[in-house]
Amino acid sequence: MKKLELPLHPHLETIFGYAGDAPKVVFYWEPESDKLMYDDGLESGTANSWAYLIWAAHPSVKPLLTQGEHPILLLERHGRKLYSVSRAEALEALKVSGVPNLSVHVGEYTEHLEDYQSEEAAETIAWKEAQQLLADFVIWLGSTAGSRRAA
């Protein structure tokens, strides 16, 4: 496990496409699909590949990543620490971070039918917010070009 000493955007996980609330989340590049993925031990899915590629190519980040490889990244959200980890370390970190009881979500659909019916409108709003976050992120990256201190 290697801590990455670099400026860490306060909403990096959101910009990368993670909307959960787990204390730890792993981001990794899936070479077969050529996409960024996330996993928090309970949920996993496709993340924002473009945001990741912009971040990984930035001069404050690129030297810390292994040449030509996409590392497995573990973000400890509460401490705002980012690590490059092995697959085994990622699995162990997610295992010990505590996964909520899965049965809590059973029957959620019928209880919140109105929420699900307006999901399409919410996704449109979320997409616009994601675009704005990415634009702000690119500006933030530019402002940290000379800064190499950890957040």
C-alpha atoms as a PDB file:
ATOM      1  CA  MET A   1       0.000   0.000   0.000  1.00  0.00           C
ATOM      2  CA  LYS A   2       1.517   3.291  -1.124  1.00  0.00           C
ATOM      3  CA  LYS A   3       0.051   6.627  -0.027  1.00  0.00           C
ATOM      4  CA  LEU A   4      -0.106   9.055  -2.937  1.00  0.00           C
ATOM      5  CA  GLU A   5       1.151  12.455  -1.813  1.00  0.00           C
ATOM      6  CA  LEU A   6      -0.779  14.855  -4.003  1.00  0.00           C
ATOM      7  CA  PRO A   7      -3.462  17.529  -3.805  1.00  0.00           C
ATOM      8  CA  LEU A   8      -6.794  15.759  -3.365  1.00  0.00           C
ATOM      9  CA  HIS A   9      -9.943  17.446  -4.628  1.00  0.00           C
ATOM     10  CA  PRO A  10     -12.646  17.466  -1.905  1.00  0.00           C
ATOM     11  CA  HIS A  11     -15.131  15.821  -4.309  1.00  0.00           C
ATOM     12  CA  LEU A  12     -12.782  13.494  -6.204  1.00  0.00           C
ATOM     13  CA  GLU A  13     -15.004  10.447  -5.729  1.00  0.00           C
ATOM     14  CA  THR A  14     -18.060  12.344  -6.994  1.00  0.00           C
ATOM     15  CA  ILE A  15     -16.127  13.577 -10.026  1.00  0.00           C
ATOM     16  CA  PHE A  16     -15.001  10.008 -10.682  1.00  0.00           C
ATOM     17  CA  GLY A  17     -18.677   8.988 -10.689  1.00  0.00           C
ATOM     18  CA  TYR A  18     -19.135   7.462  -7.228  1.00  0.00           C
ATOM     19  CA  ALA A  19     -22.397   8.465  -5.536  1.00  0.00           C
ATOM     20  CA  GLY A  20     -22.336   6.134  -2.531  1.00  0.00           C
ATOM     21  CA  ASP A  21     -21.522   6.891   1.075  1.00  0.00           C
ATOM     22  CA  ALA A  22     -19.144   4.085   2.072  1.00  0.00           C
ATOM     23  CA  PRO A  23     -16.080   5.158   4.076  1.00  0.00           C
ATOM     24  CA  LYS A  24     -13.739   3.566   1.530  1.00  0.00           C
ATOM     25  CA  VAL A  25     -14.057   3.227  -2.225  1.00  0.00           C
ATOM     26  CA  VAL A  26     -11.754   1.606  -4.748  1.00  0.00           C
ATOM     27  CA  PHE A  27     -11.281   2.837  -8.310  1.00  0.00           C
ATOM     28  CA  TYR A  28      -9.624   0.647 -10.923  1.00  0.00           C
ATOM     29  CA  TRP A  29      -9.204   0.539 -14.682  1.00  0.00           C
ATOM     30  CA  GLU A  30     -10.907  -2.375 -16.420  1.00  0.00           C
ATOM     31  CA  PRO A  31      -8.687  -3.117 -19.453  1.00  0.00           C
ATOM     32  CA  GLU A  32     -11.216  -5.388 -21.193  1.00  0.00           C
ATOM     33  CA  SER A  33     -13.840  -2.643 -21.358  1.00  0.00           C
ATOM     34  CA  ASP A  34     -11.348   0.237 -21.249  1.00  0.00           C
ATOM     35  CA  LYS A  35     -13.350   1.910 -18.460  1.00  0.00           C
ATOM     36  CA  LEU A  36     -12.863   3.158 -14.932  1.00  0.00           C
ATOM     37  CA  MET A  37     -14.773   1.122 -12.356  1.00  0.00           C
ATOM     38  CA  TYR A  38     -15.598   1.713  -8.688  1.00  0.00           C
ATOM     39  CA  ASP A  39     -16.309  -0.681  -5.819  1.00  0.00           C
ATOM     40  CA  ASP A  40     -17.167   0.128  -2.208  1.00  0.00           C
ATOM     41  CA  GLY A  41     -17.708  -3.431  -1.017  1.00  0.00           C
ATOM     42  CA  LEU A  42     -21.478  -3.195  -1.447  1.00  0.00           C
ATOM     43  CA  GLU A  43     -21.948  -1.586  -4.842  1.00  0.00           C
ATOM     44  CA  SER A  44     -19.785  -1.465  -7.920  1.00  0.00           C
ATOM     45  CA  GLY A  45     -20.179   0.044 -11.344  1.00  0.00           C
ATOM     46  CA  THR A  46     -18.789   2.076 -14.178  1.00  0.00           C
ATOM     47  CA  ALA A  47     -17.203   5.360 -13.163  1.00  0.00           C
ATOM     48  CA  ASN A  48     -16.286   8.496 -15.121  1.00  0.00           C
ATOM     49  CA  SER A  49     -13.389   7.362 -17.307  1.00  0.00           C
ATOM     50  CA  TRP A  50     -12.815  10.813 -18.826  1.00  0.00           C
ATOM     51  CA  ALA A  51     -12.465  12.489 -15.437  1.00  0.00           C
ATOM     52  CA  TYR A  52      -9.996   9.813 -14.364  1.00  0.00           C
ATOM     53  CA  LEU A  53      -7.917  10.120 -17.540  1.00  0.00           C
ATOM     54  CA  ILE A  54      -7.771  13.917 -17.183  1.00  0.00           C
ATOM     55  CA  TRP A  55      -6.699  13.516 -13.549  1.00  0.00           C
ATOM     56  CA  ALA A  56      -4.139  10.764 -14.272  1.00  0.00           C
ATOM     57  CA  ALA A  57      -2.503  12.840 -17.046  1.00  0.00           C
ATOM     58  CA  HIS A  58      -2.113  15.932 -14.882  1.00  0.00           C
ATOM     59  CA  PRO A  59       1.532  16.900 -14.089  1.00  0.00           C
ATOM     60  CA  SER A  60       0.929  16.678 -10.319  1.00  0.00           C
ATOM     61  CA  VAL A  61      -0.473  13.134 -10.626  1.00  0.00           C
ATOM     62  CA  LYS A  62       1.224  11.452 -13.593  1.00  0.00           C
ATOM     63  CA  PRO A  63       4.693  11.082 -11.969  1.00  0.00           C
ATOM     64  CA  LEU A  64       3.124   9.227  -9.025  1.00  0.00           C
ATOM     65  CA  LEU A  65       1.471   6.595 -11.185  1.00  0.00           C
ATOM     66  CA  THR A  66       3.422   3.653 -12.575  1.00  0.00           C
ATOM     67  CA  GLN A  67       4.462   4.349 -16.149  1.00  0.00           C
ATOM     68  CA  GLY A  68       1.843   3.061 -18.575  1.00  0.00           C
ATOM     69  CA  GLU A  69      -0.290   1.408 -15.894  1.00  0.00           C
ATOM     70  CA  HIS A  70      -3.508   2.290 -14.138  1.00  0.00           C
ATOM     71  CA  PRO A  71      -3.167   1.458 -10.442  1.00  0.00           C
ATOM     72  CA  ILE A  72      -5.918   0.311  -8.130  1.00  0.00           C
ATOM     73  CA  LEU A  73      -6.751   3.398  -6.074  1.00  0.00           C
ATOM     74  CA  LEU A  74      -8.176   3.212  -2.563  1.00  0.00           C
ATOM     75  CA  LEU A  75      -9.781   6.399  -1.274  1.00  0.00           C
ATOM     76  CA  GLU A  76     -10.330   6.724   2.454  1.00  0.00           C
ATOM     77  CA  ARG A  77     -13.071   9.291   2.285  1.00  0.00           C
ATOM     78  CA  HIS A  78     -13.145  10.552   5.868  1.00  0.00           C
ATOM     79  CA  GLY A  79      -9.386  11.092   6.141  1.00  0.00           C
ATOM     80  CA  ARG A  80      -9.133  12.204   2.475  1.00  0.00           C
ATOM     81  CA  LYS A  81      -6.227   9.834   1.829  1.00  0.00           C
ATOM     82  CA  LEU A  82      -5.537   8.138  -1.490  1.00  0.00           C
ATOM     83  CA  TYR A  83      -3.482   4.969  -1.862  1.00  0.00           C
ATOM     84  CA  SER A  84      -2.188   2.847  -4.704  1.00  0.00           C
ATOM     85  CA  VAL A  85      -2.928  -0.720  -3.614  1.00  0.00           C
ATOM     86  CA  SER A  86      -2.737  -4.312  -4.764  1.00  0.00           C
ATOM     87  CA  ARG A  87      -5.927  -6.261  -5.485  1.00  0.00           C
ATOM     88  CA  ALA A  88      -5.525  -8.166  -2.192  1.00  0.00           C
ATOM     89  CA  GLU A  89      -5.089  -4.909  -0.231  1.00  0.00           C
ATOM     90  CA  ALA A  90      -8.175  -3.425  -1.909  1.00  0.00           C
ATOM     91  CA  LEU A  91     -10.296  -6.468  -1.075  1.00  0.00           C
ATOM     92  CA  GLU A  92      -9.109  -6.452   2.547  1.00  0.00           C
ATOM     93  CA  ALA A  93      -9.749  -2.704   2.938  1.00  0.00           C
ATOM     94  CA  LEU A  94     -13.303  -3.051   1.644  1.00  0.00           C
ATOM     95  CA  LYS A  95     -13.889  -6.122   3.800  1.00  0.00           C
ATOM     96  CA  VAL A  96     -12.910  -4.370   7.033  1.00  0.00           C
ATOM     97  CA  SER A  97     -14.615  -1.056   6.196  1.00  0.00           C
ATOM     98  CA  GLY A  98     -17.993  -2.480   7.216  1.00  0.00           C
ATOM     99  CA  VAL A  99     -20.760  -3.201   4.738  1.00  0.00           C
ATOM    100  CA  PRO A 100     -24.308  -2.276   5.808  1.00  0.00           C
ATOM    101  CA  ASN A 101     -27.006  -4.920   6.161  1.00  0.00           C
ATOM    102  CA  LEU A 102     -28.219  -5.787   2.656  1.00  0.00           C
ATOM    103  CA  SER A 103     -31.775  -6.619   3.793  1.00  0.00           C
ATOM    104  CA  VAL A 104     -32.425  -2.940   4.587  1.00  0.00           C
ATOM    105  CA  HIS A 105     -33.168  -2.306   0.887  1.00  0.00           C
ATOM    106  CA  VAL A 106     -35.700  -5.129   0.419  1.00  0.00           C
ATOM    107  CA  GLY A 107     -39.086  -3.738  -0.644  1.00  0.00           C
ATOM    108  CA  GLU A 108     -37.693  -0.260  -1.200  1.00  0.00           C
ATOM    109  CA  TYR A 109     -39.227  -0.011  -4.697  1.00  0.00           C
ATOM    110  CA  THR A 110     -42.885  -0.092  -3.597  1.00  0.00           C
ATOM    111  CA  GLU A 111     -42.274   2.267  -0.682  1.00  0.00           C
ATOM    112  CA  HIS A 112     -40.676   4.905  -2.915  1.00  0.00           C
ATOM    113  CA  LEU A 113     -42.519   4.453  -6.206  1.00  0.00           C
ATOM    114  CA  GLU A 114     -42.757   8.211  -6.834  1.00  0.00           C
ATOM    115  CA  ASP A 115     -38.985   8.531  -6.433  1.00  0.00           C
ATOM    116  CA  TYR A 116     -38.401   5.850  -9.059  1.00  0.00           C
ATOM    117  CA  GLN A 117     -40.894   7.430 -11.471  1.00  0.00           C
ATOM    118  CA  SER A 118     -38.984  10.703 -11.420  1.00  0.00           C
ATOM    119  CA  GLU A 119     -35.613   8.959 -11.756  1.00  0.00           C
ATOM    120  CA  GLU A 120     -35.169   9.988 -15.395  1.00  0.00           C
ATOM    121  CA  ALA A 121     -35.518  13.687 -14.550  1.00  0.00           C
ATOM    122  CA  ALA A 122     -33.096  13.280 -11.654  1.00  0.00           C
ATOM    123  CA  GLU A 123     -30.560  11.599 -13.943  1.00  0.00           C
ATOM    124  CA  THR A 124     -30.698  14.580 -16.326  1.00  0.00           C
ATOM    125  CA  ILE A 125     -30.034  16.961 -13.433  1.00  0.00           C
ATOM    126  CA  ALA A 126     -27.257  14.699 -12.141  1.00  0.00           C
ATOM    127  CA  TRP A 127     -25.617  14.654 -15.593  1.00  0.00           C
ATOM    128  CA  LYS A 128     -25.602  18.463 -15.763  1.00  0.00           C
ATOM    129  CA  GLU A 129     -24.162  18.645 -12.235  1.00  0.00           C
ATOM    130  CA  ALA A 130     -21.508  16.089 -13.198  1.00  0.00           C
ATOM    131  CA  GLN A 131     -20.523  18.177 -16.217  1.00  0.00           C
ATOM    132  CA  GLN A 132     -20.161  21.262 -14.022  1.00  0.00           C
ATOM    133  CA  LEU A 133     -18.130  19.315 -11.441  1.00  0.00           C
ATOM    134  CA  LEU A 134     -15.789  18.093 -14.168  1.00  0.00           C
ATOM    135  CA  ALA A 135     -15.339  21.631 -15.519  1.00  0.00           C
ATOM    136  CA  ASP A 136     -14.604  22.903 -11.996  1.00  0.00           C
ATOM    137  CA  PHE A 137     -12.240  19.950 -11.479  1.00  0.00           C
ATOM    138  CA  VAL A 138     -10.195  20.837 -14.580  1.00  0.00           C
ATOM    139  CA  ILE A 139      -9.905  24.420 -13.330  1.00  0.00           C
ATOM    140  CA  TRP A 140      -8.910  23.142  -9.866  1.00  0.00           C
ATOM    141  CA  LEU A 141      -6.262  20.862 -11.381  1.00  0.00           C
ATOM    142  CA  GLY A 142      -4.814  23.846 -13.241  1.00  0.00           C
ATOM    143  CA  SER A 143      -4.624  25.848 -10.031  1.00  0.00           C
ATOM    144  CA  THR A 144      -2.714  23.048  -8.267  1.00  0.00           C
ATOM    145  CA  ALA A 145      -0.059  22.646 -10.989  1.00  0.00           C
ATOM    146  CA  GLY A 146       2.609  24.168  -8.754  1.00  0.00           C
ATOM    147  CA  SER A 147       1.287  22.636  -5.558  1.00  0.00           C
ATOM    148  CA  ARG A 148       2.521  19.186  -4.566  1.00  0.00           C
ATOM    149  CA  ARG A 149       1.314  19.130  -0.947  1.00  0.00           C
ATOM    150  CA  ALA A 150      -1.133  16.460   0.217  1.00  0.00           C
ATOM    151  CA  ALA A 151      -4.620  17.522   1.187  1.00  0.00           C
END
